[in-house]
PDB file of N, CA and C in Angstrom:
ATOM      1  N   MET A   1       0.923  -1.007   0.142  1.00  0.00           N
ATOM      2  CA  MET A   1       0.052  -0.044   0.103  1.00  0.00           C
ATOM      3  C   MET A   1       0.700   1.451   0.106  1.00  0.00           C
ATOM      4  N   PHE A   2       0.675   1.982  -1.015  1.00  0.00           N
ATOM      5  CA  PHE A   2       1.242   3.327  -0.988  1.00  0.00           C
ATOM      6  C   PHE A   2       0.686   4.378  -0.121  1.00  0.00           C
ATOM      7  N   ILE A   3       1.717   5.222   0.544  1.00  0.00           N
ATOM      8  CA  ILE A   3       1.084   6.280   1.434  1.00  0.00           C
ATOM      9  C   ILE A   3       1.591   7.687   0.850  1.00  0.00           C
ATOM     10  N   VAL A   4       0.443   8.390   0.608  1.00  0.00           N
ATOM     11  CA  VAL A   4       0.602   9.664  -0.291  1.00  0.00           C
ATOM     12  C   VAL A   4       1.138  10.733   0.532  1.00  0.00           C
ATOM     13  N   PRO A   5       2.602  11.318   0.530  1.00  0.00           N
ATOM     14  CA  PRO A   5       2.799  12.355   1.331  1.00  0.00           C
ATOM     15  C   PRO A   5       2.242  13.378   1.400  1.00  0.00           C
ATOM     16  N   ILE A   6       2.241  13.994   2.601  1.00  0.00           N
ATOM     17  CA  ILE A   6       1.326  15.358   3.069  1.00  0.00           C
ATOM     18  C   ILE A   6       2.082  16.549   1.884  1.00  0.00           C
ATOM     19  N   SER A   7       0.903  16.761   1.174  1.00  0.00           N
ATOM     20  CA  SER A   7       1.176  18.114   0.522  1.00  0.00           C
ATOM     21  C   SER A   7       0.943  19.449   1.155  1.00  0.00           C
ATOM     22  N   GLN A   8       1.492  20.645   0.658  1.00  0.00           N
ATOM     23  CA  GLN A   8       1.160  21.996   1.241  1.00  0.00           C
ATOM     24  C   GLN A   8      -0.327  22.131   0.438  1.00  0.00           C
ATOM     25  N   MET A   9      -1.343  22.713   1.318  1.00  0.00           N
ATOM     26  CA  MET A   9      -2.206  22.986   0.988  1.00  0.00           C
ATOM     27  C   MET A   9      -2.836  24.558   0.241  1.00  0.00           C
ATOM     28  N   PRO A  10      -3.488  24.565  -0.672  1.00  0.00           N
ATOM     29  CA  PRO A  10      -3.755  25.775  -1.458  1.00  0.00           C
ATOM     30  C   PRO A  10      -4.018  27.206  -0.701  1.00  0.00           C
ATOM     31  N   SER A  11      -3.522  28.295  -0.872  1.00  0.00           N
ATOM     32  CA  SER A  11      -3.456  29.473  -0.224  1.00  0.00           C
ATOM     33  C   SER A  11      -5.084  29.676  -0.286  1.00  0.00           C
ATOM     34  N   ILE A  12      -5.558  30.408   0.587  1.00  0.00           N
ATOM     35  CA  ILE A  12      -6.917  30.941   0.871  1.00  0.00           C
ATOM     36  C   ILE A  12      -6.942  32.423   0.104  1.00  0.00           C
ATOM     37  N   GLU A  13      -5.881  33.036  -0.285  1.00  0.00           N
ATOM     38  CA  GLU A  13      -5.967  34.466  -0.450  1.00  0.00           C
ATOM     39  C   GLU A  13      -6.987  34.659  -1.734  1.00  0.00           C
ATOM     40  N   PRO A  14      -7.255  33.688  -2.826  1.00  0.00           N
ATOM     41  CA  PRO A  14      -8.169  34.438  -3.693  1.00  0.00           C
ATOM     42  C   PRO A  14      -9.468  33.974  -3.108  1.00  0.00           C
ATOM     43  N   ILE A  15      -9.892  33.271  -2.165  1.00  0.00           N
ATOM     44  CA  ILE A  15     -11.164  33.064  -1.404  1.00  0.00           C
ATOM     45  C   ILE A  15     -11.286  34.345  -0.696  1.00  0.00           C
ATOM     46  N   GLN A  16     -10.637  34.749  -0.026  1.00  0.00           N
ATOM     47  CA  GLN A  16     -10.628  36.035   0.833  1.00  0.00           C
ATOM     48  C   GLN A  16     -10.673  37.285  -0.105  1.00  0.00           C
ATOM     49  N   LYS A  17      -9.971  37.527  -1.299  1.00  0.00           N
ATOM     50  CA  LYS A  17     -10.320  38.513  -2.192  1.00  0.00           C
ATOM     51  C   LYS A  17     -11.625  38.758  -2.725  1.00  0.00           C
ATOM     52  N   SER A  18     -12.149  37.319  -3.241  1.00  0.00           N
ATOM     53  CA  SER A  18     -13.464  37.408  -3.797  1.00  0.00           C
ATOM     54  C   SER A  18     -14.577  37.756  -2.511  1.00  0.00           C
ATOM     55  N   ALA A  19     -14.315  37.216  -1.402  1.00  0.00           N
ATOM     56  CA  ALA A  19     -15.001  37.371  -0.295  1.00  0.00           C
ATOM     57  C   ALA A  19     -15.176  38.990  -0.106  1.00  0.00           C
ATOM     58  N   ALA A  20     -13.892  39.530  -0.129  1.00  0.00           N
ATOM     59  CA  ALA A  20     -13.777  41.248   0.117  1.00  0.00           C
ATOM     60  C   ALA A  20     -14.609  41.846  -0.916  1.00  0.00           C
ATOM     61  N   GLN A  21     -14.499  41.309  -1.998  1.00  0.00           N
ATOM     62  CA  GLN A  21     -15.379  42.265  -3.296  1.00  0.00           C
ATOM     63  C   GLN A  21     -16.619  42.055  -3.219  1.00  0.00           C
ATOM     64  N   VAL A  22     -17.123  40.711  -2.508  1.00  0.00           N
ATOM     65  CA  VAL A  22     -18.629  40.883  -2.646  1.00  0.00           C
ATOM     66  C   VAL A  22     -19.349  41.737  -1.144  1.00  0.00           C
ATOM     67  N   THR A  23     -18.344  41.902  -0.284  1.00  0.00           N
ATOM     68  CA  THR A  23     -18.873  42.386   1.001  1.00  0.00           C
ATOM     69  C   THR A  23     -18.335  44.083   0.770  1.00  0.00           C
ATOM     70  N   GLN A  24     -17.373  44.154   0.336  1.00  0.00           N
ATOM     71  CA  GLN A  24     -16.954  45.549   0.033  1.00  0.00           C
ATOM     72  C   GLN A  24     -16.317  45.932  -1.151  1.00  0.00           C
ATOM     73  N   PRO A  25     -17.176  46.119  -2.125  1.00  0.00           N
ATOM     74  CA  PRO A  25     -16.773  46.249  -3.719  1.00  0.00           C
ATOM     75  C   PRO A  25     -16.280  47.484  -3.686  1.00  0.00           C
ATOM     76  N   GLU A  26     -15.318  47.804  -4.607  1.00  0.00           N
ATOM     77  CA  GLU A  26     -14.324  49.043  -4.792  1.00  0.00           C
ATOM     78  C   GLU A  26     -15.436  49.693  -5.551  1.00  0.00           C
ATOM     79  N   ASN A  27     -15.777  49.062  -6.679  1.00  0.00           N
ATOM     80  CA  ASN A  27     -16.566  50.216  -7.514  1.00  0.00           C
ATOM     81  C   ASN A  27     -18.219  50.499  -7.271  1.00  0.00           C
ATOM     82  N   GLY A  28     -18.544  49.729  -6.172  1.00  0.00           N
ATOM     83  CA  GLY A  28     -19.992  49.619  -5.990  1.00  0.00           C
ATOM     84  C   GLY A  28     -20.607  48.692  -6.597  1.00  0.00           C
ATOM     85  N   ALA A  29     -20.307  47.838  -7.388  1.00  0.00           N
ATOM     86  CA  ALA A  29     -21.115  46.850  -8.115  1.00  0.00           C
ATOM     87  C   ALA A  29     -21.062  45.646  -7.491  1.00  0.00           C
ATOM     88  N   GLY A  30     -20.103  45.135  -7.242  1.00  0.00           N
ATOM     89  CA  GLY A  30     -19.619  43.810  -6.305  1.00  0.00           C
ATOM     90  C   GLY A  30     -19.685  42.759  -7.503  1.00  0.00           C
ATOM     91  N   MET A  31     -19.697  41.376  -6.787  1.00  0.00           N
ATOM     92  CA  MET A  31     -19.727  40.246  -8.011  1.00  0.00           C
ATOM     93  C   MET A  31     -21.149  39.972  -7.829  1.00  0.00           C
ATOM     94  N   PRO A  32     -21.465  39.913  -9.486  1.00  0.00           N
ATOM     95  CA  PRO A  32     -22.938  39.330  -9.724  1.00  0.00           C
ATOM     96  C   PRO A  32     -23.290  38.071  -9.525  1.00  0.00           C
ATOM     97  N   PHE A  33     -24.488  37.958  -9.179  1.00  0.00           N
ATOM     98  CA  PHE A  33     -24.792  36.835  -8.949  1.00  0.00           C
ATOM     99  C   PHE A  33     -24.902  35.682  -9.944  1.00  0.00           C
ATOM    100  N   LYS A  34     -25.014  35.909 -10.935  1.00  0.00           N
ATOM    101  CA  LYS A  34     -24.869  35.225 -12.203  1.00  0.00           C
ATOM    102  C   LYS A  34     -23.423  34.501 -12.231  1.00  0.00           C
ATOM    103  N   GLN A  35     -22.241  35.306 -11.815  1.00  0.00           N
ATOM    104  CA  GLN A  35     -21.021  34.988 -11.850  1.00  0.00           C
ATOM    105  C   GLN A  35     -20.791  33.757 -10.521  1.00  0.00           C
ATOM    106  N   ILE A  36     -21.334  34.212  -9.476  1.00  0.00           N
ATOM    107  CA  ILE A  36     -21.182  33.591  -8.485  1.00  0.00           C
ATOM    108  C   ILE A  36     -22.013  32.019  -8.752  1.00  0.00           C
ATOM    109  N   PHE A  37     -23.338  32.128  -9.322  1.00  0.00           N
ATOM    110  CA  PHE A  37     -23.919  30.971  -9.583  1.00  0.00           C
ATOM    111  C   PHE A  37     -23.302  30.078 -10.404  1.00  0.00           C
ATOM    112  N   GLU A  38     -22.936  30.722 -11.528  1.00  0.00           N
ATOM    113  CA  GLU A  38     -21.822  29.862 -12.623  1.00  0.00           C
ATOM    114  C   GLU A  38     -20.590  29.245 -12.074  1.00  0.00           C
ATOM    115  N   GLU A  39     -19.989  29.936 -10.913  1.00  0.00           N
ATOM    116  CA  GLU A  39     -18.761  29.419 -10.484  1.00  0.00           C
ATOM    117  C   GLU A  39     -19.180  27.993  -9.738  1.00  0.00           C
ATOM    118  N   ALA A  40     -20.420  28.045  -8.909  1.00  0.00           N
ATOM    119  CA  ALA A  40     -21.022  26.876  -8.229  1.00  0.00           C
ATOM    120  C   ALA A  40     -21.406  25.855  -8.672  1.00  0.00           C
ATOM    121  N   ILE A  41     -21.954  26.148 -10.199  1.00  0.00           N
ATOM    122  CA  ILE A  41     -22.252  25.387 -11.103  1.00  0.00           C
ATOM    123  C   ILE A  41     -20.989  24.365 -11.688  1.00  0.00           C
ATOM    124  N   ASN A  42     -19.909  25.290 -11.810  1.00  0.00           N
ATOM    125  CA  ASN A  42     -18.665  24.546 -12.570  1.00  0.00           C
ATOM    126  C   ASN A  42     -18.262  24.023 -11.485  1.00  0.00           C
ATOM    127  N   ASN A  43     -17.893  24.631 -10.336  1.00  0.00           N
ATOM    128  CA  ASN A  43     -17.510  23.860  -9.210  1.00  0.00           C
ATOM    129  C   ASN A  43     -18.046  22.377  -9.163  1.00  0.00           C
ATOM    130  N   LEU A  44     -19.209  22.405  -9.062  1.00  0.00           N
ATOM    131  CA  LEU A  44     -20.203  21.062  -8.826  1.00  0.00           C
ATOM    132  C   LEU A  44     -20.008  19.899  -9.911  1.00  0.00           C
ATOM    133  N   ARG A  45     -19.829  20.521 -11.197  1.00  0.00           N
ATOM    134  CA  ARG A  45     -19.644  19.707 -12.061  1.00  0.00           C
ATOM    135  C   ARG A  45     -18.099  18.889 -12.011  1.00  0.00           C
ATOM    136  N   GLU A  46     -17.360  19.907 -11.843  1.00  0.00           N
ATOM    137  CA  GLU A  46     -15.619  19.371 -11.482  1.00  0.00           C
ATOM    138  C   GLU A  46     -15.710  18.308 -10.361  1.00  0.00           C
ATOM    139  N   THR A  47     -16.280  18.579  -9.276  1.00  0.00           N
ATOM    140  CA  THR A  47     -16.196  17.744  -8.170  1.00  0.00           C
ATOM    141  C   THR A  47     -16.921  16.545  -8.514  1.00  0.00           C
ATOM    142  N   GLN A  48     -18.172  16.775  -9.174  1.00  0.00           N
ATOM    143  CA  GLN A  48     -18.827  15.304  -9.356  1.00  0.00           C
ATOM    144  C   GLN A  48     -18.155  14.325 -10.384  1.00  0.00           C
ATOM    145  N   ALA A  49     -17.430  15.122 -11.399  1.00  0.00           N
ATOM    146  CA  ALA A  49     -16.672  14.343 -12.254  1.00  0.00           C
ATOM    147  C   ALA A  49     -15.708  13.655 -11.564  1.00  0.00           C
ATOM    148  N   GLN A  50     -14.879  14.315 -10.875  1.00  0.00           N
ATOM    149  CA  GLN A  50     -13.869  13.790  -9.809  1.00  0.00           C
ATOM    150  C   GLN A  50     -14.045  12.283  -9.047  1.00  0.00           C
ATOM    151  N   SER A  51     -15.331  12.756  -8.359  1.00  0.00           N
ATOM    152  CA  SER A  51     -15.873  11.893  -7.619  1.00  0.00           C
ATOM    153  C   SER A  51     -16.258  10.524  -8.106  1.00  0.00           C
ATOM    154  N   ASN A  52     -17.163  10.833  -9.613  1.00  0.00           N
ATOM    155  CA  ASN A  52     -17.408   9.533 -10.383  1.00  0.00           C
ATOM    156  C   ASN A  52     -16.172   8.807 -10.715  1.00  0.00           C
ATOM    157  N   GLU A  53     -15.156   9.464 -11.277  1.00  0.00           N
ATOM    158  CA  GLU A  53     -13.850   8.717 -11.532  1.00  0.00           C
ATOM    159  C   GLU A  53     -13.456   7.875 -10.526  1.00  0.00           C
ATOM    160  N   ASP A  54     -13.219   8.666  -9.212  1.00  0.00           N
ATOM    161  CA  ASP A  54     -12.738   7.995  -8.095  1.00  0.00           C
ATOM    162  C   ASP A  54     -13.555   6.932  -7.662  1.00  0.00           C
ATOM    163  N   ALA A  55     -14.994   6.532  -7.864  1.00  0.00           N
ATOM    164  CA  ALA A  55     -15.905   5.664  -7.592  1.00  0.00           C
ATOM    165  C   ALA A  55     -15.381   4.632  -8.299  1.00  0.00           C
ATOM    166  N   TYR A  56     -15.167   4.613  -9.567  1.00  0.00           N
ATOM    167  CA  TYR A  56     -14.994   3.823 -11.014  1.00  0.00           C
ATOM    168  C   TYR A  56     -13.557   3.377 -10.544  1.00  0.00           C
ATOM    169  N   ARG A  57     -12.532   3.867 -10.243  1.00  0.00           N
ATOM    170  CA  ARG A  57     -11.576   3.434 -10.180  1.00  0.00           C
ATOM    171  C   ARG A  57     -11.403   2.563  -8.757  1.00  0.00           C
ATOM    172  N   LEU A  58     -12.110   2.905  -7.819  1.00  0.00           N
ATOM    173  CA  LEU A  58     -12.257   2.018  -6.460  1.00  0.00           C
ATOM    174  C   LEU A  58     -13.285   0.765  -6.853  1.00  0.00           C
ATOM    175  N   ALA A  59     -14.298   0.875  -7.752  1.00  0.00           N
ATOM    176  CA  ALA A  59     -14.859  -0.304  -8.156  1.00  0.00           C
ATOM    177  C   ALA A  59     -13.824  -1.183  -8.825  1.00  0.00           C
ATOM    178  N   MET A  60     -12.962  -0.735  -9.487  1.00  0.00           N
ATOM    179  CA  MET A  60     -12.309  -1.499 -10.667  1.00  0.00           C
ATOM    180  C   MET A  60     -10.770  -2.244  -9.795  1.00  0.00           C
ATOM    181  N   GLY A  61     -11.051  -1.778  -8.395  1.00  0.00           N
ATOM    182  CA  GLY A  61      -9.729  -2.116  -7.735  1.00  0.00           C
ATOM    183  C   GLY A  61      -8.516  -1.354  -7.999  1.00  0.00           C
ATOM    184  N   GLN A  62      -8.607  -0.394  -8.556  1.00  0.00           N
ATOM    185  CA  GLN A  62      -7.301   0.533  -9.146  1.00  0.00           C
ATOM    186  C   GLN A  62      -7.064   1.742  -8.184  1.00  0.00           C
ATOM    187  N   ALA A  63      -8.109   1.903  -7.111  1.00  0.00           N
ATOM    188  CA  ALA A  63      -7.588   3.244  -6.010  1.00  0.00           C
ATOM    189  C   ALA A  63      -6.591   2.505  -4.911  1.00  0.00           C
ATOM    190  N   ASP A  64      -5.386   3.805  -5.044  1.00  0.00           N
ATOM    191  CA  ASP A  64      -4.581   3.521  -4.093  1.00  0.00           C
ATOM    192  C   ASP A  64      -4.639   4.095  -2.465  1.00  0.00           C
ATOM    193  N   ASP A  65      -5.452   5.112  -2.665  1.00  0.00           N
ATOM    194  CA  ASP A  65      -5.730   5.394  -1.379  1.00  0.00           C
ATOM    195  C   ASP A  65      -7.216   5.712  -1.394  1.00  0.00           C
ATOM    196  N   LEU A  66      -7.867   5.231  -0.278  1.00  0.00           N
ATOM    197  CA  LEU A  66      -9.088   5.233   0.208  1.00  0.00           C
ATOM    198  C   LEU A  66      -9.344   6.677   0.648  1.00  0.00           C
ATOM    199  N   HIS A  67      -8.733   7.377   1.148  1.00  0.00           N
ATOM    200  CA  HIS A  67      -8.783   8.568   2.266  1.00  0.00           C
ATOM    201  C   HIS A  67      -9.231   9.613   0.916  1.00  0.00           C
ATOM    202  N   THR A  68      -8.370   9.529  -0.364  1.00  0.00           N
ATOM    203  CA  THR A  68      -8.707  10.684  -1.353  1.00  0.00           C
ATOM    204  C   THR A  68     -10.138  10.377  -2.191  1.00  0.00           C
ATOM    205  N   VAL A  69     -10.521   9.040  -1.814  1.00  0.00           N
ATOM    206  CA  VAL A  69     -11.567   8.775  -2.626  1.00  0.00           C
ATOM    207  C   VAL A  69     -12.953   9.489  -1.572  1.00  0.00           C
ATOM    208  N   VAL A  70     -12.809   9.219  -0.410  1.00  0.00           N
ATOM    209  CA  VAL A  70     -13.926   9.861   0.737  1.00  0.00           C
ATOM    210  C   VAL A  70     -13.758  11.340   0.429  1.00  0.00           C
ATOM    211  N   ILE A  71     -12.531  11.788   0.461  1.00  0.00           N
ATOM    212  CA  ILE A  71     -12.563  13.374   0.482  1.00  0.00           C
ATOM    213  C   ILE A  71     -13.002  14.080  -0.741  1.00  0.00           C
ATOM    214  N   ASN A  72     -12.664  13.439  -1.914  1.00  0.00           N
ATOM    215  CA  ASN A  72     -13.489  13.882  -3.262  1.00  0.00           C
ATOM    216  C   ASN A  72     -14.960  13.327  -3.132  1.00  0.00           C
ATOM    217  N   SER A  73     -15.262  12.619  -2.698  1.00  0.00           N
ATOM    218  CA  SER A  73     -16.738  12.384  -2.553  1.00  0.00           C
ATOM    219  C   SER A  73     -17.414  13.644  -1.541  1.00  0.00           C
ATOM    220  N   GLU A  74     -16.685  13.751  -0.567  1.00  0.00           N
ATOM    221  CA  GLU A  74     -17.438  14.511   0.541  1.00  0.00           C
ATOM    222  C   GLU A  74     -17.265  16.123  -0.206  1.00  0.00           C
ATOM    223  N   LYS A  75     -16.448  16.296  -0.849  1.00  0.00           N
ATOM    224  CA  LYS A  75     -16.266  17.729  -1.566  1.00  0.00           C
ATOM    225  C   LYS A  75     -17.321  17.890  -2.652  1.00  0.00           C
ATOM    226  N   ALA A  76     -17.431  16.820  -3.248  1.00  0.00           N
ATOM    227  CA  ALA A  76     -18.862  16.567  -4.474  1.00  0.00           C
ATOM    228  C   ALA A  76     -20.014  16.926  -3.622  1.00  0.00           C
ATOM    229  N   ALA A  77     -20.205  16.229  -2.317  1.00  0.00           N
ATOM    230  CA  ALA A  77     -21.467  16.548  -1.542  1.00  0.00           C
ATOM    231  C   ALA A  77     -21.731  17.780  -1.163  1.00  0.00           C
ATOM    232  N   THR A  78     -20.698  18.199  -0.815  1.00  0.00           N
ATOM    233  CA  THR A  78     -20.615  19.812  -0.329  1.00  0.00           C
ATOM    234  C   THR A  78     -20.981  20.712  -1.348  1.00  0.00           C
ATOM    235  N   ALA A  79     -20.359  20.683  -2.419  1.00  0.00           N
ATOM    236  CA  ALA A  79     -20.786  21.313  -3.580  1.00  0.00           C
ATOM    237  C   ALA A  79     -21.886  21.323  -4.099  1.00  0.00           C
ATOM    238  N   LEU A  80     -22.782  20.307  -3.979  1.00  0.00           N
ATOM    239  CA  LEU A  80     -24.084  19.977  -4.499  1.00  0.00           C
ATOM    240  C   LEU A  80     -24.880  20.679  -3.358  1.00  0.00           C
ATOM    241  N   GLU A  81     -24.753  20.639  -2.096  1.00  0.00           N
ATOM    242  CA  GLU A  81     -25.418  21.270  -1.208  1.00  0.00           C
ATOM    243  C   GLU A  81     -25.248  22.931  -1.336  1.00  0.00           C
ATOM    244  N   LEU A  82     -24.152  23.668  -1.420  1.00  0.00           N
ATOM    245  CA  LEU A  82     -23.807  25.007  -2.013  1.00  0.00           C
ATOM    246  C   LEU A  82     -25.006  25.248  -2.992  1.00  0.00           C
ATOM    247  N   THR A  83     -25.044  24.500  -4.269  1.00  0.00           N
ATOM    248  CA  THR A  83     -25.355  24.939  -5.260  1.00  0.00           C
ATOM    249  C   THR A  83     -26.862  24.603  -4.992  1.00  0.00           C
ATOM    250  N   VAL A  84     -27.345  23.425  -4.193  1.00  0.00           N
ATOM    251  CA  VAL A  84     -28.941  23.571  -4.056  1.00  0.00           C
ATOM    252  C   VAL A  84     -29.318  24.683  -3.056  1.00  0.00           C
ATOM    253  N   GLN A  85     -28.484  25.227  -2.275  1.00  0.00           N
ATOM    254  CA  GLN A  85     -28.813  26.286  -1.353  1.00  0.00           C
ATOM    255  C   GLN A  85     -28.770  27.743  -2.131  1.00  0.00           C
ATOM    256  N   LEU A  86     -27.815  27.873  -3.071  1.00  0.00           N
ATOM    257  CA  LEU A  86     -27.928  29.085  -3.642  1.00  0.00           C
ATOM    258  C   LEU A  86     -29.076  29.105  -4.604  1.00  0.00           C
ATOM    259  N   THR A  87     -29.726  27.886  -5.266  1.00  0.00           N
ATOM    260  CA  THR A  87     -30.953  27.782  -5.907  1.00  0.00           C
ATOM    261  C   THR A  87     -32.096  28.058  -5.185  1.00  0.00           C
ATOM    262  N   SER A  88     -32.121  27.577  -4.088  1.00  0.00           N
ATOM    263  CA  SER A  88     -33.070  27.629  -3.255  1.00  0.00           C
ATOM    264  C   SER A  88     -33.408  29.093  -2.563  1.00  0.00           C
ATOM    265  N   ARG A  89     -32.114  29.786  -2.228  1.00  0.00           N
ATOM    266  CA  ARG A  89     -32.228  31.308  -2.064  1.00  0.00           C
ATOM    267  C   ARG A  89     -32.741  32.095  -2.964  1.00  0.00           C
ATOM    268  N   ALA A  90     -32.039  31.566  -4.411  1.00  0.00           N
ATOM    269  CA  ALA A  90     -32.576  32.645  -5.539  1.00  0.00           C
ATOM    270  C   ALA A  90     -33.956  32.530  -5.564  1.00  0.00           C
ATOM    271  N   VAL A  91     -34.852  31.470  -5.755  1.00  0.00           N
ATOM    272  CA  VAL A  91     -36.297  31.312  -5.920  1.00  0.00           C
ATOM    273  C   VAL A  91     -36.742  31.814  -4.838  1.00  0.00           C
ATOM    274  N   SER A  92     -36.341  31.629  -3.701  1.00  0.00           N
ATOM    275  CA  SER A  92     -37.228  32.364  -2.494  1.00  0.00           C
ATOM    276  C   SER A  92     -37.109  33.839  -2.835  1.00  0.00           C
ATOM    277  N   ALA A  93     -35.932  34.276  -3.002  1.00  0.00           N
ATOM    278  CA  ALA A  93     -35.545  35.876  -3.373  1.00  0.00           C
ATOM    279  C   ALA A  93     -36.730  36.597  -4.576  1.00  0.00           C
ATOM    280  N   TYR A  94     -36.642  35.768  -5.595  1.00  0.00           N
ATOM    281  CA  TYR A  94     -37.653  35.707  -6.496  1.00  0.00           C
ATOM    282  C   TYR A  94     -39.269  35.944  -6.188  1.00  0.00           C
ATOM    283  N   ASN A  95     -39.393  34.708  -5.703  1.00  0.00           N
ATOM    284  CA  ASN A  95     -40.774  34.604  -5.070  1.00  0.00           C
ATOM    285  C   ASN A  95     -41.190  35.830  -4.135  1.00  0.00           C
ATOM    286  N   GLU A  96     -40.578  36.258  -3.398  1.00  0.00           N
ATOM    287  CA  GLU A  96     -40.359  37.481  -2.320  1.00  0.00           C
ATOM    288  C   GLU A  96     -40.677  38.885  -2.989  1.00  0.00           C
ATOM    289  N   ILE A  97     -39.896  38.974  -4.004  1.00  0.00           N
ATOM    290  CA  ILE A  97     -40.102  40.429  -5.022  1.00  0.00           C
ATOM    291  C   ILE A  97     -41.415  40.088  -5.913  1.00  0.00           C
ATOM    292  N   MET A  98     -41.504  38.854  -6.339  1.00  0.00           N
ATOM    293  CA  MET A  98     -42.901  39.025  -7.210  1.00  0.00           C
ATOM    294  C   MET A  98     -44.243  39.073  -6.073  1.00  0.00           C
ATOM    295  N   ARG A  99     -44.117  38.702  -4.735  1.00  0.00           N
ATOM    296  CA  ARG A  99     -45.351  39.145  -3.857  1.00  0.00           C
ATOM    297  C   ARG A  99     -45.224  40.638  -3.778  1.00  0.00           C
ATOM    298  N   MET A 100     -44.402  41.290  -3.961  1.00  0.00           N
ATOM    299  CA  MET A 100     -44.351  42.675  -3.312  1.00  0.00           C
ATOM    300  C   MET A 100     -45.518  43.583  -4.268  1.00  0.00           C
ATOM    301  N   GLN A 101     -45.858  44.428  -3.634  1.00  0.00           N
ATOM    302  CA  GLN A 101     -47.129  45.356  -4.198  1.00  0.00           C
ATOM    303  C   GLN A 101     -46.496  46.587  -4.535  1.00  0.00           C
ATOM    304  N   ILE A 102     -46.849  46.846  -5.840  1.00  0.00           N
ATOM    305  CA  ILE A 102     -46.425  48.484  -6.581  1.00  0.00           C
ATOM    306  C   ILE A 102     -47.206  49.340  -6.109  1.00  0.00           C
TER     307      ILE A 102
END
């Protein structure tokens, strides 16, 4: 059994910068919801594809490290939950706007 060495985690600076843009936009526009939603959808597709590939490799007996399979599966589940929550909030906001009286 091959043990994968511990590698350095990626920096969270891009996440902090995008969060700062959403909360404190420089030009007053902020990050459009469409872009946020597209990023969530793309992230969901990527993580699900990786999870499906890992599941296939595990079923074929080609998976060397089970922990990576579980981690990728949890990433896909989290991305799905995020996308569902974004969709739910968008639909809820739309319904609330439609109920407003002019």
